[in-house]
Amino acid sequence: MGHRLLRVNESIKETLSTIISAEGLKDPRVGFVTVTGVEASPDLRHAKVFVSVLGNAAARDATMKALEKSVGYLQSRLGASLRMRRTPQLQFCYDDTLDNALHIQSLLRKEEGLLGVEAPEIAVGGEEDEATPPSGGAAASGQEEAE
């Protein structure tokens, strides 16, 4: 991906974030939305906009429908703001990265609760010698040489 495409993606992301959250859409179905990323096609005709929505599944579905309904408005505002030759056609996609992270975190907490406190590291054949330096080793002789 070229530097120009990366700059365009970032510009689209910042502009849409501002339009959706700061200026706000009039649709009451739009909840707390965060634009997490944008992937524009190399010819800049299409752009996938990844969004994260705070709330339950019903709030997420309502927000996604509202964003799809307001695509024309968002594209026109984007075109006016960025002054591009061609305004990309927007497609909104739900970014489930945060949901996956929260799910993994809950599984780890559940596992920790089942196992209790983590067991201390157990040295396995030869690792003990490497992990703890001997008291009269090279570190001690290096200090004596420096003095």
N, C-alpha and C. Protein backbone atom coordinates (compact mmCIF):
# COMPACT_ATOMS: atom_id res chain seq x y z
N MET A 1 0.86 -1.17 0.00
CA MET A 1 0.00 0.00 0.00
C MET A 1 0.91 1.23 0.00
N GLY A 2 0.63 2.16 -0.89
CA GLY A 2 1.46 3.35 -1.02
C GLY A 2 1.20 4.37 0.06
N HIS A 3 2.13 5.31 0.15
CA HIS A 3 2.01 6.37 1.16
C HIS A 3 0.80 7.25 0.89
N ARG A 4 0.51 7.52 -0.37
CA ARG A 4 -0.64 8.37 -0.69
C ARG A 4 -1.93 7.72 -0.24
N LEU A 5 -2.08 6.43 -0.50
CA LEU A 5 -3.29 5.71 -0.10
C LEU A 5 -3.43 5.69 1.42
N LEU A 6 -2.31 5.52 2.13
CA LEU A 6 -2.36 5.56 3.59
C LEU A 6 -2.81 6.94 4.09
N ARG A 7 -2.31 8.01 3.46
CA ARG A 7 -2.71 9.37 3.86
C ARG A 7 -4.19 9.60 3.57
N VAL A 8 -4.66 9.10 2.42
CA VAL A 8 -6.09 9.26 2.08
C VAL A 8 -6.94 8.50 3.08
N ASN A 9 -6.55 7.27 3.41
CA ASN A 9 -7.30 6.48 4.40
C ASN A 9 -7.39 7.21 5.73
N GLU A 10 -6.28 7.77 6.18
CA GLU A 10 -6.26 8.49 7.46
C GLU A 10 -7.13 9.75 7.39
N SER A 11 -7.09 10.45 6.26
CA SER A 11 -7.90 11.67 6.10
C SER A 11 -9.39 11.33 6.12
N ILE A 12 -9.76 10.26 5.43
CA ILE A 12 -11.16 9.83 5.42
C ILE A 12 -11.59 9.45 6.83
N LYS A 13 -10.74 8.72 7.54
CA LYS A 13 -11.06 8.30 8.90
C LYS A 13 -11.28 9.50 9.82
N GLU A 14 -10.38 10.47 9.78
CA GLU A 14 -10.50 11.65 10.64
C GLU A 14 -11.74 12.47 10.30
N THR A 15 -11.99 12.66 9.01
CA THR A 15 -13.13 13.47 8.58
C THR A 15 -14.44 12.81 8.96
N LEU A 16 -14.56 11.49 8.72
CA LEU A 16 -15.80 10.80 9.09
C LEU A 16 -15.99 10.78 10.60
N SER A 17 -14.92 10.63 11.35
CA SER A 17 -15.04 10.66 12.81
C SER A 17 -15.60 12.00 13.27
N THR A 18 -15.10 13.06 12.67
CA THR A 18 -15.57 14.40 13.03
C THR A 18 -17.03 14.58 12.65
N ILE A 19 -17.39 14.16 11.45
CA ILE A 19 -18.77 14.34 10.98
C ILE A 19 -19.74 13.53 11.84
N ILE A 20 -19.38 12.29 12.15
CA ILE A 20 -20.30 11.42 12.89
C ILE A 20 -20.40 11.82 14.36
N SER A 21 -19.27 12.06 15.01
CA SER A 21 -19.32 12.29 16.45
C SER A 21 -19.42 13.76 16.83
N ALA A 22 -18.54 14.59 16.32
CA ALA A 22 -18.51 15.99 16.75
C ALA A 22 -19.73 16.76 16.23
N GLU A 23 -19.95 16.69 14.93
CA GLU A 23 -21.09 17.41 14.36
C GLU A 23 -22.37 16.64 14.59
N GLY A 24 -22.25 15.34 14.67
CA GLY A 24 -23.39 14.48 14.97
C GLY A 24 -24.35 14.32 13.82
N LEU A 25 -24.85 13.10 13.67
CA LEU A 25 -25.91 12.84 12.71
C LEU A 25 -27.24 13.04 13.42
N LYS A 26 -28.23 13.46 12.69
CA LYS A 26 -29.53 13.75 13.30
C LYS A 26 -30.30 12.49 13.66
N ASP A 27 -29.89 11.37 13.12
CA ASP A 27 -30.60 10.11 13.37
C ASP A 27 -30.40 9.67 14.83
N PRO A 28 -31.49 9.48 15.57
CA PRO A 28 -31.36 9.09 16.99
C PRO A 28 -30.84 7.66 17.18
N ARG A 29 -30.85 6.86 16.12
CA ARG A 29 -30.37 5.48 16.22
C ARG A 29 -28.85 5.41 16.33
N VAL A 30 -28.17 6.48 15.91
CA VAL A 30 -26.71 6.46 15.96
C VAL A 30 -26.26 6.65 17.40
N GLY A 31 -25.61 5.63 17.91
CA GLY A 31 -25.11 5.68 19.29
C GLY A 31 -23.69 6.19 19.32
N PHE A 32 -22.93 5.68 20.26
CA PHE A 32 -21.53 6.07 20.40
C PHE A 32 -20.72 5.26 19.39
N VAL A 33 -20.27 5.93 18.33
CA VAL A 33 -19.57 5.28 17.22
C VAL A 33 -18.12 5.76 17.17
N THR A 34 -17.21 4.82 16.95
CA THR A 34 -15.81 5.15 16.75
C THR A 34 -15.38 4.59 15.40
N VAL A 35 -14.82 5.44 14.56
CA VAL A 35 -14.29 4.97 13.29
C VAL A 35 -12.90 4.42 13.58
N THR A 36 -12.73 3.10 13.40
CA THR A 36 -11.47 2.46 13.76
C THR A 36 -10.51 2.34 12.59
N GLY A 37 -11.02 2.38 11.39
CA GLY A 37 -10.12 2.26 10.24
C GLY A 37 -10.85 2.44 8.93
N VAL A 38 -10.08 2.71 7.89
CA VAL A 38 -10.62 2.87 6.53
C VAL A 38 -9.69 2.16 5.57
N GLU A 39 -10.26 1.42 4.64
CA GLU A 39 -9.50 0.78 3.57
C GLU A 39 -10.09 1.23 2.25
N ALA A 40 -9.41 2.16 1.59
CA ALA A 40 -9.86 2.63 0.29
C ALA A 40 -9.23 1.77 -0.80
N SER A 41 -9.97 1.58 -1.89
CA SER A 41 -9.41 0.84 -3.02
C SER A 41 -8.34 1.70 -3.68
N PRO A 42 -7.41 1.08 -4.40
CA PRO A 42 -6.33 1.86 -5.03
C PRO A 42 -6.81 2.95 -5.99
N ASP A 43 -7.97 2.72 -6.63
CA ASP A 43 -8.50 3.74 -7.55
C ASP A 43 -9.38 4.76 -6.83
N LEU A 44 -9.54 4.63 -5.51
CA LEU A 44 -10.32 5.55 -4.66
C LEU A 44 -11.79 5.64 -5.04
N ARG A 45 -12.32 4.60 -5.63
CA ARG A 45 -13.76 4.58 -5.95
C ARG A 45 -14.58 4.01 -4.80
N HIS A 46 -13.99 3.15 -4.00
CA HIS A 46 -14.69 2.51 -2.89
C HIS A 46 -13.84 2.61 -1.63
N ALA A 47 -14.53 2.65 -0.50
CA ALA A 47 -13.83 2.66 0.78
C ALA A 47 -14.64 1.91 1.82
N LYS A 48 -14.00 0.95 2.48
CA LYS A 48 -14.62 0.25 3.60
C LYS A 48 -14.29 1.02 4.85
N VAL A 49 -15.31 1.39 5.59
CA VAL A 49 -15.14 2.14 6.84
C VAL A 49 -15.48 1.20 7.98
N PHE A 50 -14.48 0.94 8.83
CA PHE A 50 -14.67 0.04 9.96
C PHE A 50 -15.03 0.87 11.19
N VAL A 51 -16.15 0.48 11.82
CA VAL A 51 -16.63 1.22 12.98
C VAL A 51 -16.85 0.27 14.16
N SER A 52 -16.68 0.83 15.35
CA SER A 52 -16.95 0.12 16.58
C SER A 52 -18.08 0.87 17.28
N VAL A 53 -19.04 0.12 17.82
CA VAL A 53 -20.21 0.73 18.45
C VAL A 53 -20.28 0.27 19.89
N LEU A 54 -20.45 1.22 20.80
CA LEU A 54 -20.58 0.90 22.21
C LEU A 54 -22.04 0.54 22.49
N GLY A 55 -22.25 -0.59 23.11
CA GLY A 55 -23.62 -1.01 23.43
C GLY A 55 -23.83 -2.47 23.10
N ASN A 56 -25.07 -2.90 23.26
CA ASN A 56 -25.41 -4.30 23.00
C ASN A 56 -25.64 -4.53 21.51
N ALA A 57 -26.03 -5.75 21.16
CA ALA A 57 -26.21 -6.12 19.75
C ALA A 57 -27.33 -5.32 19.09
N ALA A 58 -28.39 -5.03 19.84
CA ALA A 58 -29.50 -4.26 19.27
C ALA A 58 -29.07 -2.83 18.94
N ALA A 59 -28.31 -2.23 19.84
CA ALA A 59 -27.80 -0.87 19.59
C ALA A 59 -26.84 -0.87 18.41
N ARG A 60 -26.02 -1.91 18.32
CA ARG A 60 -25.08 -2.02 17.20
C ARG A 60 -25.81 -2.13 15.87
N ASP A 61 -26.84 -2.99 15.82
CA ASP A 61 -27.60 -3.17 14.58
C ASP A 61 -28.31 -1.88 14.18
N ALA A 62 -28.90 -1.19 15.16
CA ALA A 62 -29.60 0.07 14.86
C ALA A 62 -28.62 1.12 14.35
N THR A 63 -27.45 1.20 14.95
CA THR A 63 -26.46 2.18 14.53
C THR A 63 -25.95 1.86 13.12
N MET A 64 -25.71 0.59 12.84
CA MET A 64 -25.23 0.21 11.51
C MET A 64 -26.28 0.53 10.44
N LYS A 65 -27.55 0.29 10.74
CA LYS A 65 -28.62 0.64 9.79
C LYS A 65 -28.69 2.14 9.57
N ALA A 66 -28.55 2.90 10.64
CA ALA A 66 -28.58 4.36 10.52
C ALA A 66 -27.40 4.87 9.70
N LEU A 67 -26.23 4.29 9.88
CA LEU A 67 -25.07 4.70 9.09
C LEU A 67 -25.26 4.37 7.61
N GLU A 68 -25.84 3.21 7.33
CA GLU A 68 -26.10 2.85 5.93
C GLU A 68 -27.11 3.81 5.30
N LYS A 69 -28.10 4.25 6.08
CA LYS A 69 -29.09 5.20 5.56
C LYS A 69 -28.48 6.57 5.29
N SER A 70 -27.46 6.92 6.04
CA SER A 70 -26.87 8.25 5.90
C SER A 70 -25.61 8.27 5.03
N VAL A 71 -25.40 7.22 4.25
CA VAL A 71 -24.21 7.13 3.41
C VAL A 71 -24.13 8.30 2.42
N GLY A 72 -25.23 8.68 1.81
CA GLY A 72 -25.23 9.79 0.85
C GLY A 72 -24.79 11.10 1.49
N TYR A 73 -25.36 11.38 2.64
CA TYR A 73 -24.99 12.60 3.36
C TYR A 73 -23.52 12.59 3.74
N LEU A 74 -23.06 11.46 4.27
CA LEU A 74 -21.66 11.36 4.69
C LEU A 74 -20.71 11.48 3.50
N GLN A 75 -21.05 10.89 2.36
CA GLN A 75 -20.23 11.00 1.17
C GLN A 75 -20.16 12.44 0.68
N SER A 76 -21.28 13.14 0.69
CA SER A 76 -21.27 14.54 0.22
C SER A 76 -20.44 15.42 1.14
N ARG A 77 -20.56 15.21 2.46
CA ARG A 77 -19.76 15.97 3.41
C ARG A 77 -18.28 15.64 3.28
N LEU A 78 -17.99 14.37 3.03
CA LEU A 78 -16.61 13.93 2.84
C LEU A 78 -16.01 14.56 1.59
N GLY A 79 -16.77 14.57 0.51
CA GLY A 79 -16.30 15.17 -0.73
C GLY A 79 -16.04 16.65 -0.59
N ALA A 80 -16.91 17.36 0.11
CA ALA A 80 -16.73 18.80 0.31
C ALA A 80 -15.54 19.09 1.21
N SER A 81 -15.31 18.23 2.18
CA SER A 81 -14.23 18.47 3.13
C SER A 81 -12.85 18.13 2.56
N LEU A 82 -12.76 17.02 1.83
CA LEU A 82 -11.45 16.57 1.34
C LEU A 82 -11.09 17.11 -0.04
N ARG A 83 -12.05 17.61 -0.77
CA ARG A 83 -11.82 18.16 -2.11
C ARG A 83 -11.06 17.17 -3.00
N MET A 84 -11.57 15.97 -3.07
CA MET A 84 -10.97 14.95 -3.92
C MET A 84 -11.65 14.98 -5.29
N ARG A 85 -10.93 14.50 -6.29
CA ARG A 85 -11.51 14.44 -7.63
C ARG A 85 -12.73 13.50 -7.63
N ARG A 86 -12.58 12.40 -6.94
CA ARG A 86 -13.66 11.41 -6.88
C ARG A 86 -13.87 11.03 -5.42
N THR A 87 -15.09 11.16 -4.94
CA THR A 87 -15.40 10.77 -3.57
C THR A 87 -15.68 9.28 -3.54
N PRO A 88 -15.01 8.53 -2.69
CA PRO A 88 -15.23 7.08 -2.65
C PRO A 88 -16.62 6.73 -2.16
N GLN A 89 -17.13 5.64 -2.69
CA GLN A 89 -18.41 5.11 -2.25
C GLN A 89 -18.16 4.37 -0.93
N LEU A 90 -18.86 4.78 0.12
CA LEU A 90 -18.61 4.26 1.46
C LEU A 90 -19.39 2.99 1.73
N GLN A 91 -18.73 2.06 2.40
CA GLN A 91 -19.37 0.84 2.88
C GLN A 91 -18.98 0.68 4.33
N PHE A 92 -19.96 0.63 5.23
CA PHE A 92 -19.67 0.53 6.66
C PHE A 92 -19.63 -0.94 7.07
N CYS A 93 -18.59 -1.29 7.83
CA CYS A 93 -18.40 -2.64 8.35
C CYS A 93 -18.17 -2.55 9.85
N TYR A 94 -18.78 -3.48 10.56
CA TYR A 94 -18.59 -3.50 12.02
C TYR A 94 -17.23 -4.11 12.33
N ASP A 95 -16.46 -3.45 13.16
CA ASP A 95 -15.14 -3.92 13.58
C ASP A 95 -15.30 -4.65 14.92
N ASP A 96 -15.16 -5.96 14.88
CA ASP A 96 -15.38 -6.75 16.10
C ASP A 96 -14.10 -7.04 16.88
N THR A 97 -13.05 -6.30 16.62
CA THR A 97 -11.78 -6.50 17.32
C THR A 97 -11.94 -6.31 18.83
N LEU A 98 -12.65 -5.26 19.23
CA LEU A 98 -12.84 -5.00 20.66
C LEU A 98 -13.67 -6.12 21.31
N ASP A 99 -14.69 -6.58 20.61
CA ASP A 99 -15.50 -7.68 21.15
C ASP A 99 -14.65 -8.93 21.37
N ASN A 100 -13.79 -9.24 20.39
CA ASN A 100 -12.92 -10.41 20.52
C ASN A 100 -11.95 -10.24 21.68
N ALA A 101 -11.40 -9.06 21.84
CA ALA A 101 -10.46 -8.81 22.94
C ALA A 101 -11.15 -8.96 24.29
N LEU A 102 -12.36 -8.44 24.41
CA LEU A 102 -13.10 -8.57 25.67
C LEU A 102 -13.45 -10.03 25.96
N HIS A 103 -13.78 -10.78 24.92
CA HIS A 103 -14.10 -12.20 25.08
C HIS A 103 -12.87 -12.97 25.56
N ILE A 104 -11.72 -12.71 24.96
CA ILE A 104 -10.49 -13.39 25.37
C ILE A 104 -10.13 -13.02 26.81
N GLN A 105 -10.31 -11.75 27.16
CA GLN A 105 -10.01 -11.32 28.53
C GLN A 105 -10.92 -12.03 29.53
N SER A 106 -12.21 -12.18 29.20
CA SER A 106 -13.11 -12.87 30.12
C SER A 106 -12.74 -14.35 30.24
N LEU A 107 -12.31 -14.97 29.15
CA LEU A 107 -11.87 -16.37 29.22
C LEU A 107 -10.63 -16.52 30.08
N LEU A 108 -9.71 -15.57 29.97
CA LEU A 108 -8.50 -15.62 30.80
C LEU A 108 -8.82 -15.45 32.28
N ARG A 109 -9.74 -14.55 32.58
CA ARG A 109 -10.14 -14.36 33.98
C ARG A 109 -10.83 -15.60 34.53
N LYS A 110 -11.67 -16.22 33.70
CA LYS A 110 -12.37 -17.45 34.11
C LYS A 110 -11.36 -18.55 34.37
N GLU A 111 -10.37 -18.68 33.48
CA GLU A 111 -9.33 -19.70 33.65
C GLU A 111 -8.51 -19.42 34.91
N GLU A 112 -8.20 -18.17 35.17
CA GLU A 112 -7.45 -17.81 36.37
C GLU A 112 -8.25 -18.16 37.62
N GLY A 113 -9.56 -17.95 37.57
CA GLY A 113 -10.40 -18.29 38.71
C GLY A 113 -10.45 -19.79 38.96
N LEU A 114 -10.40 -20.58 37.89
CA LEU A 114 -10.42 -22.03 38.05
C LEU A 114 -9.09 -22.56 38.57
N LEU A 115 -8.00 -21.99 38.09
CA LEU A 115 -6.68 -22.48 38.47
C LEU A 115 -6.15 -21.84 39.74
N GLY A 116 -6.68 -20.71 40.11
CA GLY A 116 -6.16 -20.02 41.27
C GLY A 116 -4.99 -19.15 40.87
N VAL A 117 -4.17 -18.81 41.82
CA VAL A 117 -3.01 -17.97 41.57
C VAL A 117 -2.03 -18.73 40.69
N GLU A 118 -1.37 -18.00 39.82
CA GLU A 118 -0.42 -18.62 38.90
C GLU A 118 0.70 -19.30 39.66
N ALA A 119 1.07 -20.49 39.19
CA ALA A 119 2.16 -21.22 39.81
C ALA A 119 3.48 -20.56 39.45
N PRO A 120 4.46 -20.60 40.36
CA PRO A 120 5.77 -20.02 40.03
C PRO A 120 6.43 -20.82 38.92
N GLU A 121 7.36 -20.17 38.23
CA GLU A 121 8.08 -20.84 37.16
C GLU A 121 8.86 -22.03 37.73
N ILE A 122 8.82 -23.12 37.04
CA ILE A 122 9.54 -24.32 37.45
C ILE A 122 10.70 -24.49 36.48
N ALA A 123 11.90 -24.56 37.01
CA ALA A 123 13.09 -24.71 36.17
C ALA A 123 13.10 -26.10 35.58
N VAL A 124 13.41 -26.17 34.29
CA VAL A 124 13.46 -27.44 33.60
C VAL A 124 14.89 -27.66 33.13
N GLY A 125 15.47 -28.77 33.48
CA GLY A 125 16.81 -29.21 33.10
C GLY A 125 17.74 -28.18 32.49
N GLY A 126 18.65 -27.62 33.19
CA GLY A 126 19.66 -26.72 32.66
C GLY A 126 19.25 -25.26 32.61
N GLU A 127 17.97 -24.97 32.66
CA GLU A 127 17.51 -23.58 32.62
C GLU A 127 17.86 -22.85 33.90
N GLU A 128 17.94 -23.57 35.01
CA GLU A 128 18.22 -22.95 36.29
C GLU A 128 19.60 -22.30 36.28
N ASP A 129 20.58 -22.98 35.67
CA ASP A 129 21.93 -22.45 35.62
C ASP A 129 21.99 -21.16 34.81
N GLU A 130 21.23 -21.08 33.72
CA GLU A 130 21.24 -19.89 32.86
C GLU A 130 20.48 -18.74 33.49
N ALA A 131 19.41 -19.05 34.22
CA ALA A 131 18.56 -18.01 34.77
C ALA A 131 19.22 -17.29 35.94
N THR A 132 19.95 -18.02 36.79
CA THR A 132 20.59 -17.39 37.94
C THR A 132 22.09 -17.39 37.73
N PRO A 133 22.70 -16.21 37.59
CA PRO A 133 24.15 -16.16 37.37
C PRO A 133 24.87 -16.57 38.64
N PRO A 134 25.99 -17.26 38.50
CA PRO A 134 26.75 -17.66 39.69
C PRO A 134 27.32 -16.43 40.38
N SER A 135 27.50 -16.53 41.71
CA SER A 135 27.92 -15.37 42.48
C SER A 135 29.36 -14.95 42.17
N GLY A 136 30.20 -15.85 41.80
CA GLY A 136 31.60 -15.50 41.52
C GLY A 136 31.88 -15.49 40.03
N GLY A 137 30.89 -15.23 39.22
CA GLY A 137 31.02 -15.33 37.77
C GLY A 137 31.70 -14.12 37.16
N ALA A 138 31.47 -13.94 35.87
CA ALA A 138 32.11 -12.88 35.09
C ALA A 138 31.68 -11.48 35.55
N ALA A 139 30.46 -11.36 36.06
CA ALA A 139 29.99 -10.05 36.49
C ALA A 139 30.83 -9.56 37.68
N ALA A 140 31.13 -10.47 38.63
CA ALA A 140 31.91 -10.08 39.79
C ALA A 140 33.35 -9.75 39.39
N SER A 141 33.93 -10.54 38.50
CA SER A 141 35.31 -10.27 38.10
C SER A 141 35.40 -9.01 37.25
N GLY A 142 34.34 -8.69 36.53
CA GLY A 142 34.32 -7.44 35.74
C GLY A 142 34.31 -6.24 36.64
N GLN A 143 33.65 -6.33 37.79
CA GLN A 143 33.61 -5.19 38.71
C GLN A 143 34.96 -5.00 39.37
N GLU A 144 35.64 -6.12 39.65
CA GLU A 144 36.95 -6.02 40.29
C GLU A 144 37.95 -5.38 39.34
N GLU A 145 37.84 -5.69 38.03
CA GLU A 145 38.76 -5.14 37.05
C GLU A 145 38.53 -3.64 36.89
N ALA A 146 37.29 -3.20 36.98
CA ALA A 146 36.95 -1.78 36.80
C ALA A 146 37.48 -0.95 37.96
N GLU A 147 37.61 -1.54 39.17
CA GLU A 147 38.08 -0.81 40.33
C GLU A 147 39.53 -0.73 40.31
